[in-house]
C-alpha atoms as a PDB file:
ATOM      1  CA  MET A   1      -2.079  -7.748   0.499  1.00  0.00           C
ATOM      2  CA  ASN A   2       1.685  -8.418  -0.200  1.00  0.00           C
ATOM      3  CA  TYR A   3       4.969  -7.147  -1.065  1.00  0.00           C
ATOM      4  CA  ARG A   4       5.630  -6.444  -4.618  1.00  0.00           C
ATOM      5  CA  ILE A   5       7.540  -9.229  -6.169  1.00  0.00           C
ATOM      6  CA  GLY A   6       9.348 -10.038  -9.424  1.00  0.00           C
ATOM      7  CA  PRO A   7      10.522 -13.338 -10.761  1.00  0.00           C
ATOM      8  CA  LYS A   8      13.853 -13.272  -8.294  1.00  0.00           C
ATOM      9  CA  THR A   9      13.520 -10.252  -6.147  1.00  0.00           C
ATOM     10  CA  GLN A  10      10.960  -9.025  -3.409  1.00  0.00           C
ATOM     11  CA  MET A  11      10.720  -5.139  -2.558  1.00  0.00           C
ATOM     12  CA  PRO A  12      10.002  -5.058   1.142  1.00  0.00           C
ATOM     13  CA  ASN A  13       9.513  -1.173   0.867  1.00  0.00           C
ATOM     14  CA  GLU A  14       6.863  -1.556  -1.588  1.00  0.00           C
ATOM     15  CA  CYS A  15       3.332  -3.081  -0.967  1.00  0.00           C
ATOM     16  CA  LEU A  16       0.257  -3.813  -2.785  1.00  0.00           C
ATOM     17  CA  ILE A  17      -2.882  -2.517  -0.787  1.00  0.00           C
ATOM     18  CA  GLU A  18      -6.389  -3.191  -1.501  1.00  0.00           C
ATOM     19  CA  PHE A  19      -9.125  -0.699  -0.061  1.00  0.00           C
ATOM     20  CA  THR A  20     -12.328  -2.605   0.998  1.00  0.00           C
ATOM     21  CA  ASN A  21     -14.655   0.010   0.384  1.00  0.00           C
ATOM     22  CA  MET A  22     -13.354   1.556  -3.059  1.00  0.00           C
ATOM     23  CA  ASP A  23     -14.784   0.894  -6.674  1.00  0.00           C
ATOM     24  CA  PRO A  24     -12.511  -0.405  -8.897  1.00  0.00           C
ATOM     25  CA  THR A  25     -10.036   2.085 -10.801  1.00  0.00           C
ATOM     26  CA  THR A  26     -12.963   4.776 -10.220  1.00  0.00           C
ATOM     27  CA  LYS A  27     -11.943   6.171  -7.020  1.00  0.00           C
ATOM     28  CA  ALA A  28      -8.401   4.729  -7.245  1.00  0.00           C
ATOM     29  CA  GLU A  29      -7.540   7.064  -9.864  1.00  0.00           C
ATOM     30  CA  ARG A  30      -8.273   9.925  -7.314  1.00  0.00           C
ATOM     31  CA  ILE A  31      -6.057   8.675  -4.373  1.00  0.00           C
ATOM     32  CA  VAL A  32      -2.618   7.998  -6.383  1.00  0.00           C
ATOM     33  CA  GLY A  33      -0.189  10.560  -4.778  1.00  0.00           C
ATOM     34  CA  ARG A  34      -1.981  10.291  -1.276  1.00  0.00           C
ATOM     35  CA  ARG A  35      -0.124   9.130   1.711  1.00  0.00           C
ATOM     36  CA  VAL A  36      -0.911   6.033   4.049  1.00  0.00           C
ATOM     37  CA  VAL A  37       0.072   5.235   7.670  1.00  0.00           C
ATOM     38  CA  TRP A  38       0.669   1.763   9.218  1.00  0.00           C
ATOM     39  CA  LYS A  39       0.533   2.063  12.878  1.00  0.00           C
ATOM     40  CA  SER A  40       1.971  -0.725  15.369  1.00  0.00           C
ATOM     41  CA  GLY A  41       2.157   0.442  18.880  1.00  0.00           C
ATOM     42  CA  LYS A  42       4.004   3.332  19.110  1.00  0.00           C
ATOM     43  CA  SER A  43       5.840   3.072  15.745  1.00  0.00           C
ATOM     44  CA  LYS A  44       4.553   3.882  12.672  1.00  0.00           C
ATOM     45  CA  LEU A  45       5.281   3.878   8.679  1.00  0.00           C
ATOM     46  CA  VAL A  46       4.247   6.369   6.228  1.00  0.00           C
ATOM     47  CA  GLY A  47       4.162   5.521   2.418  1.00  0.00           C
ATOM     48  CA  ARG A  48       2.881   7.252  -0.611  1.00  0.00           C
ATOM     49  CA  ILE A  49       0.435   5.750  -3.104  1.00  0.00           C
ATOM     50  CA  ILE A  50       2.347   5.740  -6.560  1.00  0.00           C
ATOM     51  CA  GLY A  51       0.192   4.026  -9.021  1.00  0.00           C
ATOM     52  CA  PHE A  52      -2.222   1.053  -9.449  1.00  0.00           C
ATOM     53  CA  HIS A  53      -1.728  -2.603  -9.759  1.00  0.00           C
ATOM     54  CA  GLY A  54      -4.156  -4.414 -12.619  1.00  0.00           C
ATOM     55  CA  LYS A  55      -7.729  -3.184 -12.736  1.00  0.00           C
ATOM     56  CA  ASN A  56      -9.513  -4.352  -9.401  1.00  0.00           C
ATOM     57  CA  GLY A  57      -8.787  -1.205  -7.267  1.00  0.00           C
ATOM     58  CA  VAL A  58      -5.510  -2.532  -5.869  1.00  0.00           C
ATOM     59  CA  VAL A  59      -2.511   0.196  -5.579  1.00  0.00           C
ATOM     60  CA  LYS A  60       1.038  -0.030  -5.179  1.00  0.00           C
ATOM     61  CA  VAL A  61       2.375   1.885  -2.068  1.00  0.00           C
ATOM     62  CA  LYS A  62       5.986   2.697  -1.583  1.00  0.00           C
ATOM     63  CA  PHE A  63       7.407   3.351   2.074  1.00  0.00           C
ATOM     64  CA  THR A  64      10.244   5.178   3.225  1.00  0.00           C
ATOM     65  CA  LYS A  65      11.529   2.062   5.335  1.00  0.00           C
ATOM     66  CA  GLY A  66      11.048  -1.842   4.691  1.00  0.00           C
ATOM     67  CA  VAL A  67       7.652  -2.941   5.903  1.00  0.00           C
ATOM     68  CA  PRO A  68       7.925  -5.765   8.239  1.00  0.00           C
ATOM     69  CA  GLY A  69       6.268  -9.271   7.634  1.00  0.00           C
ATOM     70  CA  GLN A  70       3.547  -8.794  10.264  1.00  0.00           C
ATOM     71  CA  ALA A  71       2.162  -5.599   8.485  1.00  0.00           C
ATOM     72  CA  ILE A  72       0.727  -7.868   5.607  1.00  0.00           C
ATOM     73  CA  GLY A  73      -2.972  -8.710   6.196  1.00  0.00           C
ATOM     74  CA  THR A  74      -3.597  -5.313   8.368  1.00  0.00           C
ATOM     75  CA  ASN A  75      -5.070  -2.236   8.227  1.00  0.00           C
ATOM     76  CA  VAL A  76      -3.651   1.147   7.078  1.00  0.00           C
ATOM     77  CA  GLN A  77      -4.959   4.495   7.274  1.00  0.00           C
ATOM     78  CA  LEU A  78      -5.552   7.070   4.203  1.00  0.00           C
ATOM     79  CA  ILE A  79      -4.214  10.540   4.998  1.00  0.00           C
ATOM     80  CA  ALA A  80      -4.653  13.636   2.723  1.00  0.00           C
END
């Protein structure tokens, strides 16, 4: 969805992700701590789900490196 932002800062290595086929908060509780992968060509970025953002099933993901702008609005893959 977007980067995690504050009043004066933007955190490019933390993103907010919404899963389309997930119930709000009920299934989101079970996936905290799992990993996600964003792929673009040969490169891929791996991140870990660190918590919730609100009560609508949106989660916060922390990536090891900064996420490029073209990743916003694209799909990620949930891995075990």
